[in-house]
Amino acid sequence: MIWSKRSTSSPSRADARLAGLCSAAAGLVAAILLLIVLFLLHESRPVLQRVEWLRFLTDASWHPAEGLFGLAPMLWATLVSSAGALLLAGTLGVASALFCRFYAPPSASRWFRRLVALLAGIPSVVFGFWGLTVLVPIIASWRPPGASLLTGILVLTLMILPTVALIADAALAAVPEIYLRGAAALGMSRSGTILGVALPAAKGGIIAGILLAAGRALGETMAVLMVSGNVVQMPHSLFDPVRTLTANIALEMAYATGEHRAALFVSGLVLTGLVILLAMVAARFGEVRHHG
């Protein structure tokens, strides 16, 4: 299709209406996000007026009845469980995408992608129920109590693995065929083509998939609540039971009042800040890629 000069230099009325609609939708999304942050700040204000931010993030004492609202154990459990799941899911997800794209027969590749997509649609509570009835007893037979940081990492890995695998596969599929043919013409081996051409060209999409998976890992509640043990403590090993920020909100919001309730909203603010930090990292990476 050849575009006319009018269609590129002077948009039609339909184009103008679509642009206005998209601008309005973008503005609405930004307004909703801003309102959510303002709501969290407003609800957190009763306790923020008495307790400093730094104390929230460094104090290890969570005893609401005594006015102690340290989030450090739960923040640390959230970060470690998410990081461990990202390490495992990132490795397995990229490896599975490379297998589908460069090694598997076309028929096997199609079925594998369908299975991964099916895994992505399983509700989180099902992962939690499976982890509680299968993984927890297995780990408990090795190192009690079973419900622990390790179990949470393994369940989170299964939950975010499809996101990484599917987006990495799409990123590899978007690599121009001429790049791969050029590598073959230069006599590069399959592994050399993958490591020297395909992965660098698909790096942006793969990192985007990992960042999306990180957002889901940070915000997951039910599955982690069911398998991690829910003990407020700093983990010293993978076998220690822990409680994440999301699990703490889900467990205590139903009966929390006053400063206790406000402290749970502070937990929400911390989670929101982590997600914003991820978005900034993604934007920074995209800017560096663009200028590079």
C-alpha atoms as a PDB file:
ATOM      1  CA  MET A   1       0.000   0.000   0.000  1.00  0.00           C
ATOM      2  CA  ILE A   2       1.364   3.442  -1.041  1.00  0.00           C
ATOM      3  CA  TRP A   3       0.491   6.317   1.256  1.00  0.00           C
ATOM      4  CA  SER A   4      -0.429   9.608  -0.344  1.00  0.00           C
ATOM      5  CA  LYS A   5       1.225  12.859   0.578  1.00  0.00           C
ATOM      6  CA  ARG A   6      -1.993  14.038   2.223  1.00  0.00           C
ATOM      7  CA  SER A   7      -2.151  10.995   4.505  1.00  0.00           C
ATOM      8  CA  THR A   8       1.352  11.622   5.877  1.00  0.00           C
ATOM      9  CA  SER A   9       1.579  15.394   6.032  1.00  0.00           C
ATOM     10  CA  SER A  10      -2.050  16.340   6.776  1.00  0.00           C
ATOM     11  CA  PRO A  11      -3.918  13.719   8.817  1.00  0.00           C
ATOM     12  CA  SER A  12      -7.549  13.006   7.988  1.00  0.00           C
ATOM     13  CA  ARG A  13     -10.418  13.673  10.386  1.00  0.00           C
ATOM     14  CA  ALA A  14     -10.469   9.994  11.340  1.00  0.00           C
ATOM     15  CA  ASP A  15      -6.769  10.159  12.199  1.00  0.00           C
ATOM     16  CA  ALA A  16      -7.317  13.283  14.264  1.00  0.00           C
ATOM     17  CA  ARG A  17     -10.221  11.693  16.150  1.00  0.00           C
ATOM     18  CA  LEU A  18      -8.175   8.546  16.816  1.00  0.00           C
ATOM     19  CA  ALA A  19      -5.252  10.625  18.036  1.00  0.00           C
ATOM     20  CA  GLY A  20      -7.547  12.552  20.368  1.00  0.00           C
ATOM     21  CA  LEU A  21      -9.081   9.317  21.671  1.00  0.00           C
ATOM     22  CA  CYS A  22      -5.651   7.810  22.327  1.00  0.00           C
ATOM     23  CA  SER A  23      -4.498  10.972  24.082  1.00  0.00           C
ATOM     24  CA  ALA A  24      -7.587  10.959  26.278  1.00  0.00           C
ATOM     25  CA  ALA A  25      -7.083   7.288  27.148  1.00  0.00           C
ATOM     26  CA  ALA A  26      -3.420   7.903  28.003  1.00  0.00           C
ATOM     27  CA  GLY A  27      -4.366  10.862  30.165  1.00  0.00           C
ATOM     28  CA  LEU A  28      -7.014   8.774  31.938  1.00  0.00           C
ATOM     29  CA  VAL A  29      -4.498   6.024  32.707  1.00  0.00           C
ATOM     30  CA  ALA A  30      -2.003   8.555  34.056  1.00  0.00           C
ATOM     31  CA  ALA A  31      -4.727  10.173  36.189  1.00  0.00           C
ATOM     32  CA  ILE A  32      -5.769   6.794  37.619  1.00  0.00           C
ATOM     33  CA  LEU A  33      -2.182   5.940  38.546  1.00  0.00           C
ATOM     34  CA  LEU A  34      -1.724   9.346  40.165  1.00  0.00           C
ATOM     35  CA  LEU A  35      -4.960   8.962  42.129  1.00  0.00           C
ATOM     36  CA  ILE A  36      -3.873   5.539  43.373  1.00  0.00           C
ATOM     37  CA  VAL A  37      -0.564   6.934  44.634  1.00  0.00           C
ATOM     38  CA  LEU A  38      -2.317   9.894  46.280  1.00  0.00           C
ATOM     39  CA  PHE A  39      -4.824   7.546  47.918  1.00  0.00           C
ATOM     40  CA  LEU A  40      -2.010   5.392  49.311  1.00  0.00           C
ATOM     41  CA  LEU A  41      -0.250   8.495  50.641  1.00  0.00           C
ATOM     42  CA  HIS A  42      -3.450   9.786  52.251  1.00  0.00           C
ATOM     43  CA  GLU A  43      -4.184   6.476  53.959  1.00  0.00           C
ATOM     44  CA  SER A  44      -0.573   6.134  55.109  1.00  0.00           C
ATOM     45  CA  ARG A  45      -0.388   9.630  56.600  1.00  0.00           C
ATOM     46  CA  PRO A  46      -1.464   8.752  60.185  1.00  0.00           C
ATOM     47  CA  VAL A  47       1.577   6.545  60.721  1.00  0.00           C
ATOM     48  CA  LEU A  48       3.981   8.446  58.472  1.00  0.00           C
ATOM     49  CA  GLN A  49       3.541  11.510  60.690  1.00  0.00           C
ATOM     50  CA  ARG A  50       5.013   9.550  63.594  1.00  0.00           C
ATOM     51  CA  VAL A  51       7.394   7.058  62.017  1.00  0.00           C
ATOM     52  CA  GLU A  52      10.143   8.018  59.573  1.00  0.00           C
ATOM     53  CA  TRP A  53      10.450   6.316  56.194  1.00  0.00           C
ATOM     54  CA  LEU A  54      13.936   5.034  56.973  1.00  0.00           C
ATOM     55  CA  ARG A  55      12.703   3.334  60.118  1.00  0.00           C
ATOM     56  CA  PHE A  56      10.005   1.523  58.158  1.00  0.00           C
ATOM     57  CA  LEU A  57      12.582   0.133  55.778  1.00  0.00           C
ATOM     58  CA  THR A  58      15.304  -0.768  58.298  1.00  0.00           C
ATOM     59  CA  ASP A  59      13.449  -1.773  61.470  1.00  0.00           C
ATOM     60  CA  ALA A  60      12.970  -5.536  61.817  1.00  0.00           C
ATOM     61  CA  SER A  61      10.209  -5.322  64.456  1.00  0.00           C
ATOM     62  CA  TRP A  62       6.645  -5.821  63.266  1.00  0.00           C
ATOM     63  CA  HIS A  63       4.464  -5.684  66.388  1.00  0.00           C
ATOM     64  CA  PRO A  64       1.391  -3.546  65.573  1.00  0.00           C
ATOM     65  CA  ALA A  65      -0.080  -3.896  69.068  1.00  0.00           C
ATOM     66  CA  GLU A  66       3.046  -2.226  70.456  1.00  0.00           C
ATOM     67  CA  GLY A  67       3.248   0.438  67.766  1.00  0.00           C
ATOM     68  CA  LEU A  68       6.220  -1.157  65.990  1.00  0.00           C
ATOM     69  CA  PHE A  69       5.821  -1.304  62.212  1.00  0.00           C
ATOM     70  CA  GLY A  70       9.193  -2.392  60.799  1.00  0.00           C
ATOM     71  CA  LEU A  71       8.858  -3.694  57.242  1.00  0.00           C
ATOM     72  CA  ALA A  72      12.459  -4.856  56.782  1.00  0.00           C
ATOM     73  CA  PRO A  73      11.822  -8.635  57.176  1.00  0.00           C
ATOM     74  CA  MET A  74       8.908  -8.607  54.744  1.00  0.00           C
ATOM     75  CA  LEU A  75      10.662  -6.289  52.298  1.00  0.00           C
ATOM     76  CA  TRP A  76      13.742  -8.494  52.336  1.00  0.00           C
ATOM     77  CA  ALA A  77      11.609 -11.643  51.838  1.00  0.00           C
ATOM     78  CA  THR A  78       9.825  -9.984  48.903  1.00  0.00           C
ATOM     79  CA  LEU A  79      13.060  -8.958  47.208  1.00  0.00           C
ATOM     80  CA  VAL A  80      14.883 -12.256  47.758  1.00  0.00           C
ATOM     81  CA  SER A  81      11.969 -14.434  46.632  1.00  0.00           C
ATOM     82  CA  SER A  82      11.411 -12.301  43.523  1.00  0.00           C
ATOM     83  CA  ALA A  83      15.123 -12.218  42.680  1.00  0.00           C
ATOM     84  CA  GLY A  84      15.463 -15.981  43.101  1.00  0.00           C
ATOM     85  CA  ALA A  85      12.417 -16.633  40.932  1.00  0.00           C
ATOM     86  CA  LEU A  86      13.692 -14.227  38.257  1.00  0.00           C
ATOM     87  CA  LEU A  87      17.071 -15.937  38.196  1.00  0.00           C
ATOM     88  CA  LEU A  88      15.520 -19.365  37.663  1.00  0.00           C
ATOM     89  CA  ALA A  89      12.689 -18.270  35.370  1.00  0.00           C
ATOM     90  CA  GLY A  90      14.963 -16.025  33.305  1.00  0.00           C
ATOM     91  CA  THR A  91      17.432 -18.848  32.675  1.00  0.00           C
ATOM     92  CA  LEU A  92      14.784 -21.487  31.950  1.00  0.00           C
ATOM     93  CA  GLY A  93      12.567 -19.127  29.954  1.00  0.00           C
ATOM     94  CA  VAL A  94      15.304 -17.936  27.595  1.00  0.00           C
ATOM     95  CA  ALA A  95      16.622 -21.494  27.226  1.00  0.00           C
ATOM     96  CA  SER A  96      13.156 -22.790  26.306  1.00  0.00           C
ATOM     97  CA  ALA A  97      12.700 -19.962  23.786  1.00  0.00           C
ATOM     98  CA  LEU A  98      16.038 -20.821  22.175  1.00  0.00           C
ATOM     99  CA  PHE A  99      15.049 -24.479  22.058  1.00  0.00           C
ATOM    100  CA  CYS A 100      11.762 -23.674  20.317  1.00  0.00           C
ATOM    101  CA  ARG A 101      13.346 -21.257  17.861  1.00  0.00           C
ATOM    102  CA  PHE A 102      16.575 -23.030  16.899  1.00  0.00           C
ATOM    103  CA  TYR A 103      16.553 -26.688  17.941  1.00  0.00           C
ATOM    104  CA  ALA A 104      13.048 -28.169  18.173  1.00  0.00           C
ATOM    105  CA  PRO A 105      11.199 -29.538  15.117  1.00  0.00           C
ATOM    106  CA  PRO A 106       8.350 -27.220  14.018  1.00  0.00           C
ATOM    107  CA  SER A 107       5.611 -29.560  15.281  1.00  0.00           C
ATOM    108  CA  ALA A 108       7.254 -29.996  18.700  1.00  0.00           C
ATOM    109  CA  SER A 109       7.868 -26.265  18.901  1.00  0.00           C
ATOM    110  CA  ARG A 110       4.186 -25.469  18.305  1.00  0.00           C
ATOM    111  CA  TRP A 111       3.020 -27.893  20.983  1.00  0.00           C
ATOM    112  CA  PHE A 112       5.603 -26.607  23.442  1.00  0.00           C
ATOM    113  CA  ARG A 113       4.424 -23.013  22.968  1.00  0.00           C
ATOM    114  CA  ARG A 114       0.821 -24.098  23.535  1.00  0.00           C
ATOM    115  CA  LEU A 115       1.776 -25.830  26.769  1.00  0.00           C
ATOM    116  CA  VAL A 116       3.661 -22.756  27.983  1.00  0.00           C
ATOM    117  CA  ALA A 117       0.676 -20.541  27.108  1.00  0.00           C
ATOM    118  CA  LEU A 118      -1.587 -22.929  29.021  1.00  0.00           C
ATOM    119  CA  LEU A 119       0.736 -22.676  32.020  1.00  0.00           C
ATOM    120  CA  ALA A 120       0.386 -18.880  31.876  1.00  0.00           C
ATOM    121  CA  GLY A 121      -3.388 -19.155  32.254  1.00  0.00           C
ATOM    122  CA  ILE A 122      -3.411 -21.255  35.431  1.00  0.00           C
ATOM    123  CA  PRO A 123      -4.766 -19.225  38.402  1.00  0.00           C
ATOM    124  CA  SER A 124      -2.258 -18.352  41.089  1.00  0.00           C
ATOM    125  CA  VAL A 125      -4.275 -20.095  43.788  1.00  0.00           C
ATOM    126  CA  VAL A 126      -3.856 -23.375  41.881  1.00  0.00           C
ATOM    127  CA  PHE A 127      -0.080 -22.919  41.919  1.00  0.00           C
ATOM    128  CA  GLY A 128      -0.304 -22.217  45.634  1.00  0.00           C
ATOM    129  CA  PHE A 129      -2.470 -25.265  46.286  1.00  0.00           C
ATOM    130  CA  TRP A 130      -0.089 -27.472  44.302  1.00  0.00           C
ATOM    131  CA  GLY A 131       2.903 -26.045  46.132  1.00  0.00           C
ATOM    132  CA  LEU A 132       1.213 -26.561  49.510  1.00  0.00           C
ATOM    133  CA  THR A 133       0.282 -30.194  48.858  1.00  0.00           C
ATOM    134  CA  VAL A 134       3.299 -31.318  46.816  1.00  0.00           C
ATOM    135  CA  LEU A 135       6.334 -29.080  47.245  1.00  0.00           C
ATOM    136  CA  VAL A 136       5.954 -28.331  50.947  1.00  0.00           C
ATOM    137  CA  PRO A 137       5.881 -32.028  52.016  1.00  0.00           C
ATOM    138  CA  ILE A 138       8.849 -32.840  49.748  1.00  0.00           C
ATOM    139  CA  ILE A 139      10.978 -30.027  51.169  1.00  0.00           C
ATOM    140  CA  ALA A 140       9.773 -30.779  54.713  1.00  0.00           C
ATOM    141  CA  SER A 141      11.039 -34.362  54.389  1.00  0.00           C
ATOM    142  CA  TRP A 142      14.435 -32.906  53.555  1.00  0.00           C
ATOM    143  CA  ARG A 143      14.496 -29.842  55.814  1.00  0.00           C
ATOM    144  CA  PRO A 144      11.467 -28.926  58.011  1.00  0.00           C
ATOM    145  CA  PRO A 145       9.161 -27.060  58.106  1.00  0.00           C
ATOM    146  CA  GLY A 146       8.802 -27.140  54.301  1.00  0.00           C
ATOM    147  CA  ALA A 147       6.815 -23.916  53.936  1.00  0.00           C
ATOM    148  CA  SER A 148       9.745 -21.601  53.368  1.00  0.00           C
ATOM    149  CA  LEU A 149      11.520 -19.064  51.219  1.00  0.00           C
ATOM    150  CA  LEU A 150      12.678 -21.844  48.885  1.00  0.00           C
ATOM    151  CA  THR A 151       9.127 -23.059  48.314  1.00  0.00           C
ATOM    152  CA  GLY A 152       8.001 -19.527  47.552  1.00  0.00           C
ATOM    153  CA  ILE A 153      10.840 -19.095  45.040  1.00  0.00           C
ATOM    154  CA  LEU A 154       9.975 -22.345  43.258  1.00  0.00           C
ATOM    155  CA  VAL A 155       6.263 -21.538  43.023  1.00  0.00           C
ATOM    156  CA  LEU A 156       6.981 -18.001  41.816  1.00  0.00           C
ATOM    157  CA  THR A 157       9.344 -19.433  39.213  1.00  0.00           C
ATOM    158  CA  LEU A 158       6.574 -21.584  37.759  1.00  0.00           C
ATOM    159  CA  MET A 159       4.215 -18.603  37.730  1.00  0.00           C
ATOM    160  CA  ILE A 160       6.485 -16.160  35.898  1.00  0.00           C
ATOM    161  CA  LEU A 161       8.240 -18.674  33.640  1.00  0.00           C
ATOM    162  CA  PRO A 162       5.581 -18.465  30.870  1.00  0.00           C
ATOM    163  CA  THR A 163       5.892 -14.671  30.713  1.00  0.00           C
ATOM    164  CA  VAL A 164       9.642 -14.825  30.184  1.00  0.00           C
ATOM    165  CA  ALA A 165       9.484 -17.779  27.777  1.00  0.00           C
ATOM    166  CA  LEU A 166       6.737 -16.415  25.532  1.00  0.00           C
ATOM    167  CA  ILE A 167       8.135 -12.877  25.299  1.00  0.00           C
ATOM    168  CA  ALA A 168      11.672 -14.173  24.726  1.00  0.00           C
ATOM    169  CA  ASP A 169      10.340 -16.427  21.967  1.00  0.00           C
ATOM    170  CA  ALA A 170       8.530 -13.484  20.352  1.00  0.00           C
ATOM    171  CA  ALA A 171      11.680 -11.353  20.606  1.00  0.00           C
ATOM    172  CA  LEU A 172      13.765 -14.055  18.921  1.00  0.00           C
ATOM    173  CA  ALA A 173      11.131 -14.468  16.209  1.00  0.00           C
ATOM    174  CA  ALA A 174      11.389 -10.727  15.489  1.00  0.00           C
ATOM    175  CA  VAL A 175      15.119 -10.934  14.725  1.00  0.00           C
ATOM    176  CA  PRO A 176      15.433 -10.182  10.964  1.00  0.00           C
ATOM    177  CA  GLU A 177      16.043 -13.330   8.946  1.00  0.00           C
ATOM    178  CA  ILE A 178      18.800 -11.556   7.030  1.00  0.00           C
ATOM    179  CA  TYR A 179      20.863 -11.411  10.238  1.00  0.00           C
ATOM    180  CA  LEU A 180      20.720 -15.184  10.621  1.00  0.00           C
ATOM    181  CA  ARG A 181      21.412 -15.803   6.944  1.00  0.00           C
ATOM    182  CA  GLY A 182      24.365 -13.440   7.086  1.00  0.00           C
ATOM    183  CA  ALA A 183      25.769 -15.357  10.052  1.00  0.00           C
ATOM    184  CA  ALA A 184      25.340 -18.631   8.175  1.00  0.00           C
ATOM    185  CA  ALA A 185      27.037 -17.145   5.093  1.00  0.00           C
ATOM    186  CA  LEU A 186      30.009 -16.206   7.274  1.00  0.00           C
ATOM    187  CA  GLY A 187      30.307 -19.817   8.386  1.00  0.00           C
ATOM    188  CA  MET A 188      29.216 -19.258  11.988  1.00  0.00           C
ATOM    189  CA  SER A 189      28.042 -22.298  13.914  1.00  0.00           C
ATOM    190  CA  ARG A 190      24.562 -22.531  15.355  1.00  0.00           C
ATOM    191  CA  SER A 191      25.790 -21.723  18.853  1.00  0.00           C
ATOM    192  CA  GLY A 192      27.850 -18.841  17.495  1.00  0.00           C
ATOM    193  CA  THR A 193      24.809 -17.477  15.661  1.00  0.00           C
ATOM    194  CA  ILE A 194      22.694 -17.720  18.801  1.00  0.00           C
ATOM    195  CA  LEU A 195      25.246 -16.105  21.123  1.00  0.00           C
ATOM    196  CA  GLY A 196      26.658 -13.568  18.692  1.00  0.00           C
ATOM    197  CA  VAL A 197      23.638 -12.565  16.611  1.00  0.00           C
ATOM    198  CA  ALA A 198      20.219 -13.731  17.829  1.00  0.00           C
ATOM    199  CA  LEU A 199      20.527 -12.970  21.540  1.00  0.00           C
ATOM    200  CA  PRO A 200      22.074  -9.492  21.119  1.00  0.00           C
ATOM    201  CA  ALA A 201      19.432  -8.571  18.540  1.00  0.00           C
ATOM    202  CA  ALA A 202      16.587  -9.802  20.788  1.00  0.00           C
ATOM    203  CA  LYS A 203      18.068  -8.389  24.012  1.00  0.00           C
ATOM    204  CA  GLY A 204      15.534  -5.579  24.341  1.00  0.00           C
ATOM    205  CA  GLY A 205      12.510  -7.862  24.114  1.00  0.00           C
ATOM    206  CA  ILE A 206      14.016 -10.434  26.457  1.00  0.00           C
ATOM    207  CA  ILE A 207      14.758  -7.816  29.113  1.00  0.00           C
ATOM    208  CA  ALA A 208      11.228  -6.437  28.711  1.00  0.00           C
ATOM    209  CA  GLY A 209       9.854  -9.912  29.410  1.00  0.00           C
ATOM    210  CA  ILE A 210      12.027 -10.278  32.491  1.00  0.00           C
ATOM    211  CA  LEU A 211      10.873  -6.888  33.804  1.00  0.00           C
ATOM    212  CA  LEU A 212       7.220  -7.837  33.272  1.00  0.00           C
ATOM    213  CA  ALA A 213       7.848 -11.070  35.127  1.00  0.00           C
ATOM    214  CA  ALA A 214       9.531  -9.112  37.934  1.00  0.00           C
ATOM    215  CA  GLY A 215       6.394  -6.993  38.321  1.00  0.00           C
ATOM    216  CA  ARG A 216       4.241 -10.082  38.665  1.00  0.00           C
ATOM    217  CA  ALA A 217       6.647 -11.683  41.135  1.00  0.00           C
ATOM    218  CA  LEU A 218       6.653  -8.588  43.346  1.00  0.00           C
ATOM    219  CA  GLY A 219       2.866  -8.341  43.342  1.00  0.00           C
ATOM    220  CA  GLU A 220       1.946 -12.001  43.767  1.00  0.00           C
ATOM    221  CA  THR A 221      -0.063 -12.668  46.914  1.00  0.00           C
ATOM    222  CA  MET A 222      -2.092 -15.842  47.230  1.00  0.00           C
ATOM    223  CA  ALA A 223       0.382 -18.470  46.044  1.00  0.00           C
ATOM    224  CA  VAL A 224       3.244 -17.046  48.129  1.00  0.00           C
ATOM    225  CA  LEU A 225       0.958 -16.721  51.155  1.00  0.00           C
ATOM    226  CA  MET A 226       0.084 -20.415  50.924  1.00  0.00           C
ATOM    227  CA  VAL A 227       3.610 -21.822  50.687  1.00  0.00           C
ATOM    228  CA  SER A 228       6.082 -19.447  52.359  1.00  0.00           C
ATOM    229  CA  GLY A 229       5.185 -20.030  56.028  1.00  0.00           C
ATOM    230  CA  ASN A 230       4.117 -16.448  56.919  1.00  0.00           C
ATOM    231  CA  VAL A 231       6.578 -15.884  59.753  1.00  0.00           C
ATOM    232  CA  VAL A 232       7.790 -12.299  60.146  1.00  0.00           C
ATOM    233  CA  GLN A 233      11.538 -12.780  60.374  1.00  0.00           C
ATOM    234  CA  MET A 234      14.714 -12.025  58.468  1.00  0.00           C
ATOM    235  CA  PRO A 235      15.537 -15.143  56.439  1.00  0.00           C
ATOM    236  CA  HIS A 236      18.974 -16.592  57.114  1.00  0.00           C
ATOM    237  CA  SER A 237      18.610 -19.557  54.765  1.00  0.00           C
ATOM    238  CA  LEU A 238      16.374 -20.743  51.948  1.00  0.00           C
ATOM    239  CA  PHE A 239      14.586 -23.074  54.361  1.00  0.00           C
ATOM    240  CA  ASP A 240      13.362 -20.366  56.751  1.00  0.00           C
ATOM    241  CA  PRO A 241       9.639 -19.496  56.675  1.00  0.00           C
ATOM    242  CA  VAL A 242       9.036 -15.902  55.624  1.00  0.00           C
ATOM    243  CA  ARG A 243       6.254 -13.412  54.987  1.00  0.00           C
ATOM    244  CA  THR A 244       6.198 -11.065  51.997  1.00  0.00           C
ATOM    245  CA  LEU A 245       4.691  -7.574  51.897  1.00  0.00           C
ATOM    246  CA  THR A 246       1.711  -8.695  49.818  1.00  0.00           C
ATOM    247  CA  ALA A 247       1.000 -11.639  52.102  1.00  0.00           C
ATOM    248  CA  ASN A 248       1.160  -9.353  55.140  1.00  0.00           C
ATOM    249  CA  ILE A 249      -1.423  -7.003  53.629  1.00  0.00           C
ATOM    250  CA  ALA A 250      -3.744  -9.887  52.761  1.00  0.00           C
ATOM    251  CA  LEU A 251      -3.463 -11.472  56.204  1.00  0.00           C
ATOM    252  CA  GLU A 252      -3.920  -8.382  58.381  1.00  0.00           C
ATOM    253  CA  MET A 253      -6.022  -5.864  56.442  1.00  0.00           C
ATOM    254  CA  ALA A 254      -9.302  -7.488  57.505  1.00  0.00           C
ATOM    255  CA  TYR A 255      -8.849  -6.558  61.170  1.00  0.00           C
ATOM    256  CA  ALA A 256      -6.288  -3.725  61.097  1.00  0.00           C
ATOM    257  CA  THR A 257      -7.324  -0.313  62.461  1.00  0.00           C
ATOM    258  CA  GLY A 258      -5.658   3.020  63.125  1.00  0.00           C
ATOM    259  CA  GLU A 259      -1.907   3.137  62.674  1.00  0.00           C
ATOM    260  CA  HIS A 260      -1.836  -0.604  62.001  1.00  0.00           C
ATOM    261  CA  ARG A 261      -4.060  -0.090  58.962  1.00  0.00           C
ATOM    262  CA  ALA A 262      -1.998   2.910  57.868  1.00  0.00           C
ATOM    263  CA  ALA A 263       1.189   0.826  58.096  1.00  0.00           C
ATOM    264  CA  LEU A 264      -0.314  -1.708  55.690  1.00  0.00           C
ATOM    265  CA  PHE A 265      -0.901   1.123  53.236  1.00  0.00           C
ATOM    266  CA  VAL A 266       2.760   2.029  53.661  1.00  0.00           C
ATOM    267  CA  SER A 267       3.501  -1.517  52.500  1.00  0.00           C
ATOM    268  CA  GLY A 268       1.435  -0.771  49.413  1.00  0.00           C
ATOM    269  CA  LEU A 269       3.433   2.402  48.838  1.00  0.00           C
ATOM    270  CA  VAL A 270       6.702   0.466  49.067  1.00  0.00           C
ATOM    271  CA  LEU A 271       5.460  -2.066  46.515  1.00  0.00           C
ATOM    272  CA  THR A 272       4.340   0.741  44.220  1.00  0.00           C
ATOM    273  CA  GLY A 273       7.756   2.346  44.554  1.00  0.00           C
ATOM    274  CA  LEU A 274       9.434  -0.915  43.562  1.00  0.00           C
ATOM    275  CA  VAL A 275       7.262  -1.173  40.455  1.00  0.00           C
ATOM    276  CA  ILE A 276       8.029   2.454  39.539  1.00  0.00           C
ATOM    277  CA  LEU A 277      11.729   1.678  39.958  1.00  0.00           C
ATOM    278  CA  LEU A 278      11.366  -1.241  37.551  1.00  0.00           C
ATOM    279  CA  ALA A 279       9.664   1.055  35.034  1.00  0.00           C
ATOM    280  CA  MET A 280      12.503   3.579  35.349  1.00  0.00           C
ATOM    281  CA  VAL A 281      15.086   0.849  34.766  1.00  0.00           C
ATOM    282  CA  ALA A 282      13.186  -0.305  31.683  1.00  0.00           C
ATOM    283  CA  ALA A 283      12.945   3.240  30.351  1.00  0.00           C
ATOM    284  CA  ARG A 284      16.641   3.845  31.023  1.00  0.00           C
ATOM    285  CA  PHE A 285      17.568   0.635  29.241  1.00  0.00           C
ATOM    286  CA  GLY A 286      15.444   1.589  26.245  1.00  0.00           C
ATOM    287  CA  GLU A 287      17.078   5.032  26.120  1.00  0.00           C
ATOM    288  CA  VAL A 288      20.573   3.553  26.227  1.00  0.00           C
ATOM    289  CA  ARG A 289      19.660   1.083  23.479  1.00  0.00           C
ATOM    290  CA  HIS A 290      18.225   3.852  21.339  1.00  0.00           C
ATOM    291  CA  HIS A 291      21.301   6.058  21.607  1.00  0.00           C
ATOM    292  CA  GLY A 292      23.662   3.129  21.278  1.00  0.00           C
END
